[in-house]
Amino acid sequence: MLVSRTGGRLDMNETFTLNIGERKTVKNSFFGTSQDMMYCGMSSESTFSIGLLFSKGYQGHALNFYFPKKTSSIVLDGRKYYVVDVKPEYITLQNSQII
C-alpha cells in the first residue's frame, strides 16, 4: 500500500507526481518503521534517480537507484511502477502491482 505524507492512501493503478525532494510513504509498519520514496532528479540527460528512505525515530538510511530515462517501468522493494513522464523537475508514476 502506498500512503501519502498527508495520510491519504494511493490505490492500485493510481497516477501520482513527485517533484524533486518530495517524498511519498511506501510502507509503514506496526513497529514504527517507515519506508519513503523520493524523486532525486536527473543526474544526466538520460538518467533519473529515485531514493528509498528507511527510518525509525531519528535513525535511518537511504538507497539511491538510477534508471534510464527511456524505461517504461521500475521495481522498488517488490512493487512495480509504470513511468508515465520524467522531467528534471518531476516524475509521474503509476502504481502497478506487488511482485
Protein backbone atom coordinates (compact mmCIF):
# COMPACT_ATOMS: atom_id res chain seq x y z
CA MET A 1 0.00 0.00 0.00
CA LEU A 2 1.30 3.46 -0.87
CA VAL A 3 0.42 6.23 1.59
CA SER A 4 1.00 9.93 1.01
CA ARG A 5 2.72 12.08 3.66
CA THR A 6 -0.68 13.57 4.46
CA GLY A 7 -2.03 10.10 5.24
CA GLY A 8 -4.06 9.52 2.07
CA ARG A 9 -3.71 6.11 0.50
CA LEU A 10 -2.84 5.77 -3.15
CA ASP A 11 -4.79 2.96 -4.77
CA MET A 12 -3.57 0.43 -7.31
CA ASN A 13 -3.19 1.95 -10.78
CA GLU A 14 -3.38 5.48 -9.37
CA THR A 15 -1.08 8.01 -11.03
CA PHE A 16 0.95 10.39 -8.84
CA THR A 17 3.66 13.01 -9.38
CA LEU A 18 6.73 13.64 -7.24
CA ASN A 19 8.72 16.87 -7.50
CA ILE A 20 12.44 16.88 -6.68
CA GLY A 21 12.85 16.21 -2.97
CA GLU A 22 9.20 15.31 -2.45
CA ARG A 23 8.52 12.12 -0.50
CA LYS A 24 5.72 9.57 -0.51
CA THR A 25 5.41 6.91 2.16
CA VAL A 26 5.53 3.49 0.56
CA LYS A 27 5.16 1.38 3.67
CA ASN A 28 4.57 1.84 7.41
CA SER A 29 4.98 -0.98 9.89
CA PHE A 30 3.43 -1.74 13.22
CA PHE A 31 6.87 -1.31 14.84
CA GLY A 32 7.16 2.36 13.90
CA THR A 33 9.42 1.96 10.88
CA SER A 34 8.61 3.67 7.62
CA GLN A 35 9.78 3.47 4.04
CA ASP A 36 9.56 6.53 1.78
CA MET A 37 10.18 7.10 -1.92
CA MET A 38 11.80 10.37 -3.04
CA TYR A 39 12.45 11.73 -6.52
CA CYS A 40 16.11 12.81 -6.65
CA GLY A 41 16.08 14.35 -10.13
CA MET A 42 18.12 13.59 -13.24
CA SER A 43 21.84 13.01 -12.91
CA SER A 44 22.22 13.30 -16.70
CA GLU A 45 20.02 13.84 -19.75
CA SER A 46 19.35 10.11 -19.95
CA THR A 47 19.27 9.02 -16.28
CA PHE A 48 16.96 9.74 -13.33
CA SER A 49 17.24 8.78 -9.67
CA ILE A 50 14.77 7.65 -7.04
CA GLY A 51 15.72 7.21 -3.41
CA LEU A 52 14.24 4.78 -0.89
CA LEU A 53 14.46 6.07 2.67
CA PHE A 54 14.13 3.71 5.61
CA SER A 55 13.69 5.21 9.08
CA LYS A 56 12.66 4.58 12.65
CA GLY A 57 12.58 7.52 15.01
CA TYR A 58 15.72 9.57 14.44
CA GLN A 59 17.66 6.80 12.73
CA GLY A 60 17.54 5.84 9.09
CA HIS A 61 19.35 5.14 5.86
CA ALA A 62 18.67 5.65 2.17
CA LEU A 63 19.41 3.91 -1.11
CA ASN A 64 19.60 5.76 -4.44
CA PHE A 65 18.56 3.90 -7.58
CA TYR A 66 19.39 5.12 -11.09
CA PHE A 67 17.26 4.28 -14.12
CA PRO A 68 17.43 5.10 -17.85
CA LYS A 69 15.03 7.90 -18.80
CA LYS A 70 13.52 5.71 -21.53
CA THR A 71 12.47 2.95 -19.13
CA SER A 72 8.74 2.17 -19.08
CA SER A 73 8.59 0.61 -15.61
CA ILE A 74 10.67 0.31 -12.46
CA VAL A 75 10.61 -2.06 -9.49
CA LEU A 76 11.28 -0.72 -5.99
CA ASP A 77 11.18 -3.06 -2.99
CA GLY A 78 8.99 -5.60 -4.75
CA ARG A 79 6.49 -3.10 -6.15
CA LYS A 80 6.25 -2.26 -9.85
CA TYR A 81 5.59 1.31 -11.02
CA TYR A 82 4.97 2.44 -14.59
CA VAL A 83 6.91 5.56 -15.58
CA VAL A 84 4.40 7.93 -17.16
CA ASP A 85 6.65 11.02 -17.52
CA VAL A 86 10.14 12.06 -16.40
CA LYS A 87 11.42 15.64 -16.38
CA PRO A 88 14.32 17.19 -14.45
CA GLU A 89 11.78 18.86 -12.12
CA TYR A 90 9.33 15.98 -11.55
CA ILE A 91 8.41 12.35 -12.24
CA THR A 92 4.95 10.89 -12.79
CA LEU A 93 4.45 7.25 -11.82
CA GLN A 94 1.52 4.85 -11.86
CA ASN A 95 1.10 2.17 -9.20
CA SER A 96 1.03 -1.28 -10.69
CA GLN A 97 1.33 -4.36 -8.56
CA ILE A 98 3.32 -6.08 -5.87
CA ILE A 99 5.73 -8.55 -7.42
